[in-house]
Amino acid sequence: MSETTETIFSKIIRREIPADIVYEDDLVLAFKDIQPQAPVHILVIPKKPIAKLADAQSQDHNLMGHLLLTAQKIAEQAGLTNGYRIVINNGVDGGQTVYHLHIHILGGRQMKWPPG
């Protein structure tokens, strides 16, 4: 994936597609999933286009930490005081369907294990 690769998420970042945005800063954008798998289902994406977790590089170290700490903040703001699940799908076998790295925050109900 390069800076010019188009995904639905890059269109959301540029505001070409509407989204229910719940958080934004210089590095990340977070919005409600349009096909929620839990009462609270929020996606946190980096504004920098990284196709999947396996493509992150050492220079992305600070961004990766920022993604997780932002997910923590958003979960708290969403009232997920009893807990939540963080999911990053990586590649075909991992169930990734949009090739722009993203974190799922799932909560508002008891999660099952093992997942899918």
Protein backbone atom coordinates (compact mmCIF):
# COMPACT_ATOMS: atom_id res chain seq x y z
CA MET A 1 0.00 0.00 0.00
CA SER A 2 1.31 3.41 -0.88
CA GLU A 3 0.31 6.96 -0.05
CA THR A 4 -1.92 6.91 -3.15
CA THR A 5 -3.75 3.65 -2.42
CA GLU A 6 -7.45 4.33 -2.02
CA THR A 7 -9.59 2.69 0.64
CA ILE A 8 -12.92 3.61 2.12
CA PHE A 9 -10.98 4.79 5.19
CA SER A 10 -8.84 7.23 3.19
CA LYS A 11 -12.08 8.66 1.78
CA ILE A 12 -13.46 9.03 5.32
CA ILE A 13 -10.26 10.81 6.42
CA ARG A 14 -10.71 13.27 3.53
CA ARG A 15 -14.43 13.63 4.38
CA GLU A 16 -15.48 12.31 0.96
CA ILE A 17 -17.63 9.67 2.68
CA PRO A 18 -19.65 10.53 5.78
CA ALA A 19 -18.88 8.82 9.08
CA ASP A 20 -20.03 9.19 12.66
CA ILE A 21 -16.70 10.55 13.93
CA VAL A 22 -16.16 10.31 17.68
CA TYR A 23 -12.52 11.43 17.91
CA GLU A 24 -9.85 13.07 15.78
CA ASP A 25 -6.36 14.43 16.27
CA ASP A 26 -3.36 15.02 14.00
CA LEU A 27 -2.53 11.29 13.79
CA VAL A 28 -5.75 9.30 14.08
CA LEU A 29 -9.45 9.33 13.36
CA ALA A 30 -12.11 7.26 15.16
CA PHE A 31 -15.67 6.60 14.05
CA LYS A 32 -18.56 4.24 14.71
CA ASP A 33 -18.57 1.05 12.64
CA ILE A 34 -21.48 0.95 10.16
CA GLN A 35 -21.94 -2.79 10.82
CA PRO A 36 -21.52 -2.96 14.61
CA GLN A 37 -20.75 -6.33 16.16
CA ALA A 38 -21.42 -5.07 19.70
CA PRO A 39 -23.45 -2.26 21.29
CA VAL A 40 -20.28 -0.13 21.08
CA HIS A 41 -18.15 -0.73 17.98
CA ILE A 42 -15.69 2.02 17.11
CA LEU A 43 -12.84 1.93 14.60
CA VAL A 44 -9.61 3.81 15.26
CA ILE A 45 -7.46 4.40 12.18
CA PRO A 46 -4.16 6.12 11.59
CA LYS A 47 -4.27 8.98 9.11
CA LYS A 48 -1.02 7.59 7.70
CA PRO A 49 -1.92 4.81 5.27
CA ILE A 50 -0.52 1.51 6.55
CA ALA A 51 -2.21 -1.48 4.90
CA LYS A 52 -1.98 -3.91 7.82
CA LEU A 53 -0.23 -4.43 11.12
CA ALA A 54 2.41 -6.60 9.45
CA ASP A 55 3.38 -3.60 7.29
CA ALA A 56 4.12 -1.27 10.23
CA GLN A 57 7.78 -0.27 10.39
CA SER A 58 10.08 0.76 13.23
CA GLN A 59 9.49 4.43 12.32
CA ASP A 60 5.78 3.83 13.12
CA HIS A 61 6.62 3.02 16.75
CA ASN A 62 5.15 6.22 18.20
CA LEU A 63 2.07 6.05 15.95
CA MET A 64 1.34 2.47 17.01
CA GLY A 65 1.50 3.43 20.68
CA HIS A 66 -0.66 6.46 20.00
CA LEU A 67 -3.29 4.23 18.35
CA LEU A 68 -3.56 2.02 21.43
CA LEU A 69 -3.57 4.88 23.92
CA THR A 70 -6.21 6.66 21.85
CA ALA A 71 -8.32 3.49 21.80
CA GLN A 72 -8.08 3.42 25.60
CA LYS A 73 -9.24 7.05 25.81
CA ILE A 74 -12.13 6.49 23.41
CA ALA A 75 -13.28 3.38 25.30
CA GLU A 76 -13.32 5.40 28.51
CA GLN A 77 -15.27 8.22 26.83
CA ALA A 78 -17.74 5.62 25.50
CA GLY A 79 -18.40 4.49 29.07
CA LEU A 80 -16.93 1.01 28.72
CA THR A 81 -16.12 0.76 32.43
CA ASN A 82 -16.75 -3.01 32.64
CA GLY A 83 -14.19 -3.73 29.93
CA TYR A 84 -13.90 -3.94 26.18
CA ARG A 85 -12.10 -5.85 23.47
CA ILE A 86 -9.46 -4.46 21.12
CA VAL A 87 -9.14 -6.29 17.80
CA ILE A 88 -6.69 -5.81 14.94
CA ASN A 89 -7.33 -8.09 11.98
CA ASN A 90 -4.21 -8.73 9.90
CA GLY A 91 -4.44 -10.15 6.39
CA VAL A 92 -6.87 -12.57 4.77
CA ASP A 93 -6.68 -15.31 7.40
CA GLY A 94 -7.05 -12.69 10.13
CA GLY A 95 -10.34 -11.52 8.63
CA GLN A 96 -9.10 -8.15 7.39
CA THR A 97 -11.42 -6.69 4.74
CA VAL A 98 -10.21 -3.07 4.49
CA TYR A 99 -6.47 -2.77 3.87
CA HIS A 100 -5.89 0.30 6.00
CA LEU A 101 -4.73 -0.60 9.51
CA HIS A 102 -7.52 -0.19 12.03
CA ILE A 103 -8.34 -1.05 15.61
CA HIS A 104 -11.81 -2.27 16.56
CA ILE A 105 -13.06 -1.24 20.01
CA LEU A 106 -15.90 -3.60 20.95
CA GLY A 107 -17.88 -3.31 24.15
CA GLY A 108 -21.16 -2.87 25.89
CA ARG A 109 -21.75 -6.61 26.32
CA GLN A 110 -19.93 -9.68 27.63
CA MET A 111 -17.45 -10.94 25.04
CA LYS A 112 -17.07 -14.66 24.29
CA TRP A 113 -13.85 -16.63 24.00
CA PRO A 114 -12.60 -17.86 21.70
CA PRO A 115 -13.73 -15.29 19.16
CA GLY A 116 -14.83 -16.47 15.69
